[in-house]
C-alpha cells in the first residue's frame, strides 16, 4: 500500500477523522509505509522514540522483557495505534514491539508532525488523550486482575473478552480466528503456558469450546464465566 492510500485508511480511525486537509498533508509528508515478517522487531528498548505507528494490516504485540520471557503489555490489531509514548515525553523506547503476522503493514508517522498537529487542533489532541486514557485503563485492569483474581479466572475472562471483541457469529456459536500461542495468552494473563493449556482442555472436554492453533469456536460464549 502506498502512503497516499494509507492516509485514506488512517482517516477511518476516530482519532484521525477530525483532521482537515492541511493537517493530513502535514502528517503524510513525514509518513512511510513499512512491511514486516512475523517475529520481526519494530523497535526495542533504547532506540529513539520518534515515530507513532498505525496498523494497516496485521497484529503487533508490545512487551517488556523480564527473567528470560516476554511480559505482553497489550496486543494491537488493524486500525490501532502503538508507540505513542513519544507523544508524552519519552525520547527512547522502554519496550519491544513484535510483528505477529507474516504480512504486517504499518504506517509510520513522524512524532514531531503529530505533535505539531496536536498543538493546532484541540479536537485531535483530545482524541489522542482519550485513546491514551483507554490504554491506561486497560493496563490498570490487567494489573488488578493479576492481583485480585486466580489464574483460571484470568484465563476465562481473557477468552470471554476475545470472543466478544474478535468473534464472528456462526449460528449460536462464536468463531475467533487468531494467531496467538498458549504462551502468548499466558503472558497476557500473567499465568503459565501449562495453566492455559489445562484450562482450554477442560473447556474443550466440557464442550464449551473447540480450539486448534488457528481458531477457537465457542459453543456458547455466555456460558464461559461459569464454565471453570
Foldseek 3Di string as FASTA:
>chain_A
DFLVVVLVVLCVAPLNVPDDPVLSVLFSVQKGKDKDAFFDWPFAWPAFLFKKKAWQAAKKWKFADDPNDTQTLDMAGHGDIDSCVVLVPDGTDRIIIGTHHGTTMIMITGSVSLNVVCVVDVSSVVSVVVVVVVSVVVNVVLVCCVVPHDQLQLLLVVVLVQQVPAWDDDPQKTKHFDQDQLCNSCSSNVHHSVVSVVSVVQCVVVVQWDDDNTMIMGNHSVCSNVSD
